[in-house]
Amino acid sequence: PHRNIEEIILPKESLTAFEDLLEEHRRQDILNSYGMKAAKKIIFFGPPGCGKTLAAEVIAYELNLPLAIV
């Protein structure tokens, strides 16, 4: 993945949720200290061309995770 969060355009509410998801994973140590874990799955849905793959690529890039598009 090579696209970062600056390359995705979302409504303010969606961008906030997107950033919250990233923050949840970046700060797993805090969640772990309370006996909680970050979500391990996310489901994107919508018609072709709405940005599902782009969103997955941005998440993978921002969290330094591998990405497989099947």
PDB file of N, CA and C in Angstrom:
ATOM      1  N   PRO A   1       0.834  -1.207   0.000  1.00  0.00           N
ATOM      2  CA  PRO A   1       0.000   0.000   0.000  1.00  0.00           C
ATOM      3  C   PRO A   1       0.869   1.258   0.000  1.00  0.00           C
ATOM      4  N   HIS A   2       0.437   2.268  -0.723  1.00  0.00           N
ATOM      5  CA  HIS A   2       1.226   3.496  -0.803  1.00  0.00           C
ATOM      6  C   HIS A   2       0.389   4.762  -0.662  1.00  0.00           C
ATOM      7  N   ARG A   3      -0.875   4.637  -0.400  1.00  0.00           N
ATOM      8  CA  ARG A   3      -1.726   5.829  -0.244  1.00  0.00           C
ATOM      9  C   ARG A   3      -1.955   6.108   1.229  1.00  0.00           C
ATOM     10  N   ASN A   4      -1.774   7.376   1.600  1.00  0.00           N
ATOM     11  CA  ASN A   4      -1.953   7.744   3.002  1.00  0.00           C
ATOM     12  C   ASN A   4      -3.289   8.444   3.206  1.00  0.00           C
ATOM     13  N   ILE A   5      -3.537   8.842   4.430  1.00  0.00           N
ATOM     14  CA  ILE A   5      -4.844   9.410   4.789  1.00  0.00           C
ATOM     15  C   ILE A   5      -5.121  10.736   4.076  1.00  0.00           C
ATOM     16  N   GLU A   6      -4.080  11.410   3.633  1.00  0.00           N
ATOM     17  CA  GLU A   6      -4.258  12.666   2.914  1.00  0.00           C
ATOM     18  C   GLU A   6      -4.892  12.449   1.531  1.00  0.00           C
ATOM     19  N   GLU A   7      -4.887  11.209   1.053  1.00  0.00           N
ATOM     20  CA  GLU A   7      -5.376  10.917  -0.290  1.00  0.00           C
ATOM     21  C   GLU A   7      -6.809  10.409  -0.324  1.00  0.00           C
ATOM     22  N   ILE A   8      -7.506  10.452   0.803  1.00  0.00           N
ATOM     23  CA  ILE A   8      -8.896  10.011   0.827  1.00  0.00           C
ATOM     24  C   ILE A   8      -9.780  11.188   1.211  1.00  0.00           C
ATOM     25  N   ILE A   9     -10.864  11.354   0.488  1.00  0.00           N
ATOM     26  CA  ILE A   9     -11.796  12.453   0.745  1.00  0.00           C
ATOM     27  C   ILE A   9     -13.082  11.848   1.295  1.00  0.00           C
ATOM     28  N   LEU A  10     -13.434  12.259   2.504  1.00  0.00           N
ATOM     29  CA  LEU A  10     -14.614  11.736   3.178  1.00  0.00           C
ATOM     30  C   LEU A  10     -15.387  12.871   3.828  1.00  0.00           C
ATOM     31  N   PRO A  11     -16.700  12.673   4.035  1.00  0.00           N
ATOM     32  CA  PRO A  11     -17.444  13.649   4.842  1.00  0.00           C
ATOM     33  C   PRO A  11     -16.840  13.706   6.242  1.00  0.00           C
ATOM     34  N   LYS A  12     -17.024  14.825   6.927  1.00  0.00           N
ATOM     35  CA  LYS A  12     -16.405  15.033   8.236  1.00  0.00           C
ATOM     36  C   LYS A  12     -16.697  13.899   9.215  1.00  0.00           C
ATOM     37  N   GLU A  13     -17.955  13.428   9.262  1.00  0.00           N
ATOM     38  CA  GLU A  13     -18.331  12.368  10.194  1.00  0.00           C
ATOM     39  C   GLU A  13     -17.590  11.062   9.867  1.00  0.00           C
ATOM     40  N   SER A  14     -17.490  10.757   8.590  1.00  0.00           N
ATOM     41  CA  SER A  14     -16.806   9.534   8.166  1.00  0.00           C
ATOM     42  C   SER A  14     -15.308   9.636   8.417  1.00  0.00           C
ATOM     43  N   LEU A  15     -14.728  10.791   8.167  1.00  0.00           N
ATOM     44  CA  LEU A  15     -13.300  10.976   8.408  1.00  0.00           C
ATOM     45  C   LEU A  15     -12.982  10.832   9.890  1.00  0.00           C
ATOM     46  N   THR A  16     -13.852  11.347  10.740  1.00  0.00           N
ATOM     47  CA  THR A  16     -13.660  11.212  12.186  1.00  0.00           C
ATOM     48  C   THR A  16     -13.686   9.740  12.590  1.00  0.00           C
ATOM     49  N   ALA A  17     -14.633   8.977  12.072  1.00  0.00           N
ATOM     50  CA  ALA A  17     -14.709   7.546  12.379  1.00  0.00           C
ATOM     51  C   ALA A  17     -13.474   6.827  11.863  1.00  0.00           C
ATOM     52  N   PHE A  18     -13.010   7.199  10.688  1.00  0.00           N
ATOM     53  CA  PHE A  18     -11.821   6.611  10.076  1.00  0.00           C
ATOM     54  C   PHE A  18     -10.597   6.881  10.948  1.00  0.00           C
ATOM     55  N   GLU A  19     -10.436   8.118  11.372  1.00  0.00           N
ATOM     56  CA  GLU A  19      -9.307   8.487  12.228  1.00  0.00           C
ATOM     57  C   GLU A  19      -9.385   7.795  13.581  1.00  0.00           C
ATOM     58  N   ASP A  20     -10.603   7.636  14.115  1.00  0.00           N
ATOM     59  CA  ASP A  20     -10.779   6.928  15.382  1.00  0.00           C
ATOM     60  C   ASP A  20     -10.339   5.467  15.261  1.00  0.00           C
ATOM     61  N   LEU A  21     -10.665   4.846  14.138  1.00  0.00           N
ATOM     62  CA  LEU A  21     -10.244   3.470  13.901  1.00  0.00           C
ATOM     63  C   LEU A  21      -8.723   3.366  13.896  1.00  0.00           C
ATOM     64  N   LEU A  22      -8.065   4.277  13.208  1.00  0.00           N
ATOM     65  CA  LEU A  22      -6.603   4.278  13.164  1.00  0.00           C
ATOM     66  C   LEU A  22      -6.018   4.499  14.558  1.00  0.00           C
ATOM     67  N   GLU A  23      -6.583   5.435  15.295  1.00  0.00           N
ATOM     68  CA  GLU A  23      -6.087   5.738  16.639  1.00  0.00           C
ATOM     69  C   GLU A  23      -6.256   4.542  17.575  1.00  0.00           C
ATOM     70  N   GLU A  24      -7.373   3.833  17.429  1.00  0.00           N
ATOM     71  CA  GLU A  24      -7.613   2.643  18.247  1.00  0.00           C
ATOM     72  C   GLU A  24      -6.490   1.627  18.060  1.00  0.00           C
ATOM     73  N   HIS A  25      -6.036   1.459  16.835  1.00  0.00           N
ATOM     74  CA  HIS A  25      -4.984   0.492  16.564  1.00  0.00           C
ATOM     75  C   HIS A  25      -3.595   1.018  16.915  1.00  0.00           C
ATOM     76  N   ARG A  26      -3.404   2.298  16.791  1.00  0.00           N
ATOM     77  CA  ARG A  26      -2.098   2.879  17.133  1.00  0.00           C
ATOM     78  C   ARG A  26      -1.852   2.866  18.636  1.00  0.00           C
ATOM     79  N   ARG A  27      -2.929   2.875  19.415  1.00  0.00           N
ATOM     80  CA  ARG A  27      -2.780   2.962  20.872  1.00  0.00           C
ATOM     81  C   ARG A  27      -3.280   1.701  21.565  1.00  0.00           C
ATOM     82  N   GLN A  28      -2.990   0.568  20.959  1.00  0.00           N
ATOM     83  CA  GLN A  28      -3.431  -0.709  21.523  1.00  0.00           C
ATOM     84  C   GLN A  28      -2.895  -0.933  22.925  1.00  0.00           C
ATOM     85  N   ASP A  29      -1.731  -0.370  23.214  1.00  0.00           N
ATOM     86  CA  ASP A  29      -1.147  -0.555  24.541  1.00  0.00           C
ATOM     87  C   ASP A  29      -2.064  -0.030  25.643  1.00  0.00           C
ATOM     88  N   ILE A  30      -2.729   1.081  25.382  1.00  0.00           N
ATOM     89  CA  ILE A  30      -3.656   1.638  26.377  1.00  0.00           C
ATOM     90  C   ILE A  30      -4.866   0.740  26.537  1.00  0.00           C
ATOM     91  N   LEU A  31      -5.421   0.277  25.406  1.00  0.00           N
ATOM     92  CA  LEU A  31      -6.554  -0.646  25.485  1.00  0.00           C
ATOM     93  C   LEU A  31      -6.170  -1.902  26.254  1.00  0.00           C
ATOM     94  N   ASN A  32      -4.992  -2.439  25.956  1.00  0.00           N
ATOM     95  CA  ASN A  32      -4.534  -3.656  26.632  1.00  0.00           C
ATOM     96  C   ASN A  32      -4.411  -3.452  28.139  1.00  0.00           C
ATOM     97  N   SER A  33      -4.024  -2.257  28.556  1.00  0.00           N
ATOM     98  CA  SER A  33      -3.883  -1.995  29.991  1.00  0.00           C
ATOM     99  C   SER A  33      -5.227  -2.044  30.714  1.00  0.00           C
ATOM    100  N   TYR A  34      -6.332  -1.892  29.960  1.00  0.00           N
ATOM    101  CA  TYR A  34      -7.681  -1.995  30.519  1.00  0.00           C
ATOM    102  C   TYR A  34      -8.320  -3.341  30.198  1.00  0.00           C
ATOM    103  N   GLY A  35      -7.531  -4.268  29.675  1.00  0.00           N
ATOM    104  CA  GLY A  35      -8.046  -5.592  29.344  1.00  0.00           C
ATOM    105  C   GLY A  35      -8.895  -5.620  28.087  1.00  0.00           C
ATOM    106  N   MET A  36      -8.724  -4.631  27.232  1.00  0.00           N
ATOM    107  CA  MET A  36      -9.500  -4.548  25.997  1.00  0.00           C
ATOM    108  C   MET A  36      -8.580  -4.751  24.802  1.00  0.00           C
ATOM    109  N   LYS A  37      -9.184  -5.059  23.657  1.00  0.00           N
ATOM    110  CA  LYS A  37      -8.415  -5.238  22.429  1.00  0.00           C
ATOM    111  C   LYS A  37      -9.021  -4.387  21.317  1.00  0.00           C
ATOM    112  N   ALA A  38      -8.186  -3.991  20.386  1.00  0.00           N
ATOM    113  CA  ALA A  38      -8.659  -3.253  19.221  1.00  0.00           C
ATOM    114  C   ALA A  38      -9.434  -4.210  18.319  1.00  0.00           C
ATOM    115  N   ALA A  39     -10.374  -3.676  17.578  1.00  0.00           N
ATOM    116  CA  ALA A  39     -11.156  -4.489  16.638  1.00  0.00           C
ATOM    117  C   ALA A  39     -10.221  -5.137  15.629  1.00  0.00           C
ATOM    118  N   LYS A  40     -10.498  -6.376  15.285  1.00  0.00           N
ATOM    119  CA  LYS A  40      -9.648  -7.087  14.336  1.00  0.00           C
ATOM    120  C   LYS A  40     -10.260  -7.165  12.951  1.00  0.00           C
ATOM    121  N   LYS A  41     -11.523  -6.791  12.823  1.00  0.00           N
ATOM    122  CA  LYS A  41     -12.191  -6.897  11.524  1.00  0.00           C
ATOM    123  C   LYS A  41     -12.963  -5.619  11.231  1.00  0.00           C
ATOM    124  N   ILE A  42     -13.056  -5.335   9.957  1.00  0.00           N
ATOM    125  CA  ILE A  42     -13.864  -4.206   9.500  1.00  0.00           C
ATOM    126  C   ILE A  42     -14.478  -4.618   8.164  1.00  0.00           C
ATOM    127  N   ILE A  43     -15.709  -4.249   7.955  1.00  0.00           N
ATOM    128  CA  ILE A  43     -16.392  -4.588   6.713  1.00  0.00           C
ATOM    129  C   ILE A  43     -16.736  -3.292   5.983  1.00  0.00           C
ATOM    130  N   PHE A  44     -16.305  -3.202   4.748  1.00  0.00           N
ATOM    131  CA  PHE A  44     -16.662  -2.086   3.888  1.00  0.00           C
ATOM    132  C   PHE A  44     -17.760  -2.570   2.946  1.00  0.00           C
ATOM    133  N   PHE A  45     -18.736  -1.726   2.707  1.00  0.00           N
ATOM    134  CA  PHE A  45     -19.769  -2.094   1.760  1.00  0.00           C
ATOM    135  C   PHE A  45     -20.165  -0.873   0.949  1.00  0.00           C
ATOM    136  N   GLY A  46     -20.652  -1.134  -0.221  1.00  0.00           N
ATOM    137  CA  GLY A  46     -21.096  -0.061  -1.098  1.00  0.00           C
ATOM    138  C   GLY A  46     -20.927  -0.477  -2.544  1.00  0.00           C
ATOM    139  N   PRO A  47     -21.436   0.349  -3.441  1.00  0.00           N
ATOM    140  CA  PRO A  47     -21.355   0.019  -4.866  1.00  0.00           C
ATOM    141  C   PRO A  47     -19.924   0.128  -5.377  1.00  0.00           C
ATOM    142  N   PRO A  48     -19.664  -0.481  -6.530  1.00  0.00           N
ATOM    143  CA  PRO A  48     -18.334  -0.366  -7.126  1.00  0.00           C
ATOM    144  C   PRO A  48     -17.940   1.100  -7.314  1.00  0.00           C
ATOM    145  N   GLY A  49     -16.689   1.385  -7.021  1.00  0.00           N
ATOM    146  CA  GLY A  49     -16.180   2.732  -7.243  1.00  0.00           C
ATOM    147  C   GLY A  49     -16.398   3.710  -6.108  1.00  0.00           C
ATOM    148  N   CYS A  50     -16.913   3.242  -4.968  1.00  0.00           N
ATOM    149  CA  CYS A  50     -17.187   4.187  -3.871  1.00  0.00           C
ATOM    150  C   CYS A  50     -15.992   4.385  -2.946  1.00  0.00           C
ATOM    151  N   GLY A  51     -14.912   3.592  -3.112  1.00  0.00           N
ATOM    152  CA  GLY A  51     -13.707   3.815  -2.324  1.00  0.00           C
ATOM    153  C   GLY A  51     -13.381   2.760  -1.290  1.00  0.00           C
ATOM    154  N   LYS A  52     -13.997   1.598  -1.385  1.00  0.00           N
ATOM    155  CA  LYS A  52     -13.728   0.538  -0.402  1.00  0.00           C
ATOM    156  C   LYS A  52     -12.265   0.096  -0.435  1.00  0.00           C
ATOM    157  N   THR A  53     -11.745  -0.148  -1.621  1.00  0.00           N
ATOM    158  CA  THR A  53     -10.356  -0.589  -1.744  1.00  0.00           C
ATOM    159  C   THR A  53      -9.397   0.526  -1.341  1.00  0.00           C
ATOM    160  N   LEU A  54      -9.704   1.750  -1.706  1.00  0.00           N
ATOM    161  CA  LEU A  54      -8.874   2.888  -1.301  1.00  0.00           C
ATOM    162  C   LEU A  54      -8.832   2.993   0.220  1.00  0.00           C
ATOM    163  N   ALA A  55      -9.973   2.845   0.871  1.00  0.00           N
ATOM    164  CA  ALA A  55     -10.015   2.911   2.330  1.00  0.00           C
ATOM    165  C   ALA A  55      -9.160   1.813   2.954  1.00  0.00           C
ATOM    166  N   ALA A  56      -9.247   0.605   2.408  1.00  0.00           N
ATOM    167  CA  ALA A  56      -8.422  -0.500   2.914  1.00  0.00           C
ATOM    168  C   ALA A  56      -6.947  -0.205   2.710  1.00  0.00           C
ATOM    169  N   GLU A  57      -6.598   0.362   1.571  1.00  0.00           N
ATOM    170  CA  GLU A  57      -5.200   0.690   1.293  1.00  0.00           C
ATOM    171  C   GLU A  57      -4.677   1.758   2.250  1.00  0.00           C
ATOM    172  N   VAL A  58      -5.483   2.759   2.532  1.00  0.00           N
ATOM    173  CA  VAL A  58      -5.073   3.822   3.457  1.00  0.00           C
ATOM    174  C   VAL A  58      -4.866   3.243   4.858  1.00  0.00           C
ATOM    175  N   ILE A  59      -5.776   2.391   5.301  1.00  0.00           N
ATOM    176  CA  ILE A  59      -5.634   1.775   6.625  1.00  0.00           C
ATOM    177  C   ILE A  59      -4.355   0.946   6.688  1.00  0.00           C
ATOM    178  N   ALA A  60      -4.123   0.140   5.670  1.00  0.00           N
ATOM    179  CA  ALA A  60      -2.914  -0.690   5.645  1.00  0.00           C
ATOM    180  C   ALA A  60      -1.659   0.178   5.664  1.00  0.00           C
ATOM    181  N   TYR A  61      -1.656   1.241   4.883  1.00  0.00           N
ATOM    182  CA  TYR A  61      -0.487   2.135   4.839  1.00  0.00           C
ATOM    183  C   TYR A  61      -0.267   2.789   6.204  1.00  0.00           C
ATOM    184  N   GLU A  62      -1.326   3.365   6.750  1.00  0.00           N
ATOM    185  CA  GLU A  62      -1.205   4.107   8.007  1.00  0.00           C
ATOM    186  C   GLU A  62      -0.790   3.222   9.173  1.00  0.00           C
ATOM    187  N   LEU A  63      -1.189   1.952   9.150  1.00  0.00           N
ATOM    188  CA  LEU A  63      -0.864   1.045  10.247  1.00  0.00           C
ATOM    189  C   LEU A  63       0.304   0.114   9.916  1.00  0.00           C
ATOM    190  N   ASN A  64       0.915   0.367   8.764  1.00  0.00           N
ATOM    191  CA  ASN A  64       2.063  -0.435   8.324  1.00  0.00           C
ATOM    192  C   ASN A  64       1.733  -1.927   8.311  1.00  0.00           C
ATOM    193  N   LEU A  65       0.599  -2.248   7.687  1.00  0.00           N
ATOM    194  CA  LEU A  65       0.140  -3.623   7.566  1.00  0.00           C
ATOM    195  C   LEU A  65       0.165  -4.059   6.108  1.00  0.00           C
ATOM    196  N   PRO A  66       0.289  -5.361   5.874  1.00  0.00           N
ATOM    197  CA  PRO A  66       0.232  -5.832   4.492  1.00  0.00           C
ATOM    198  C   PRO A  66      -1.206  -5.737   3.969  1.00  0.00           C
ATOM    199  N   LEU A  67      -1.340  -5.676   2.662  1.00  0.00           N
ATOM    200  CA  LEU A  67      -2.656  -5.596   2.032  1.00  0.00           C
ATOM    201  C   LEU A  67      -2.706  -6.568   0.880  1.00  0.00           C
ATOM    202  N   ALA A  68      -3.741  -7.386   0.852  1.00  0.00           N
ATOM    203  CA  ALA A  68      -3.981  -8.307  -0.258  1.00  0.00           C
ATOM    204  C   ALA A  68      -5.335  -7.974  -0.856  1.00  0.00           C
ATOM    205  N   ILE A  69      -5.369  -7.689  -2.126  1.00  0.00           N
ATOM    206  CA  ILE A  69      -6.619  -7.418  -2.826  1.00  0.00           C
ATOM    207  C   ILE A  69      -6.930  -8.634  -3.688  1.00  0.00           C
ATOM    208  N   VAL A  70      -8.053  -9.262  -3.394  1.00  0.00           N
ATOM    209  CA  VAL A  70      -8.417 -10.493  -4.089  1.00  0.00           C
ATOM    210  C   VAL A  70      -9.602 -10.234  -5.000  1.00  0.00           C
TER     211      VAL A  70
END
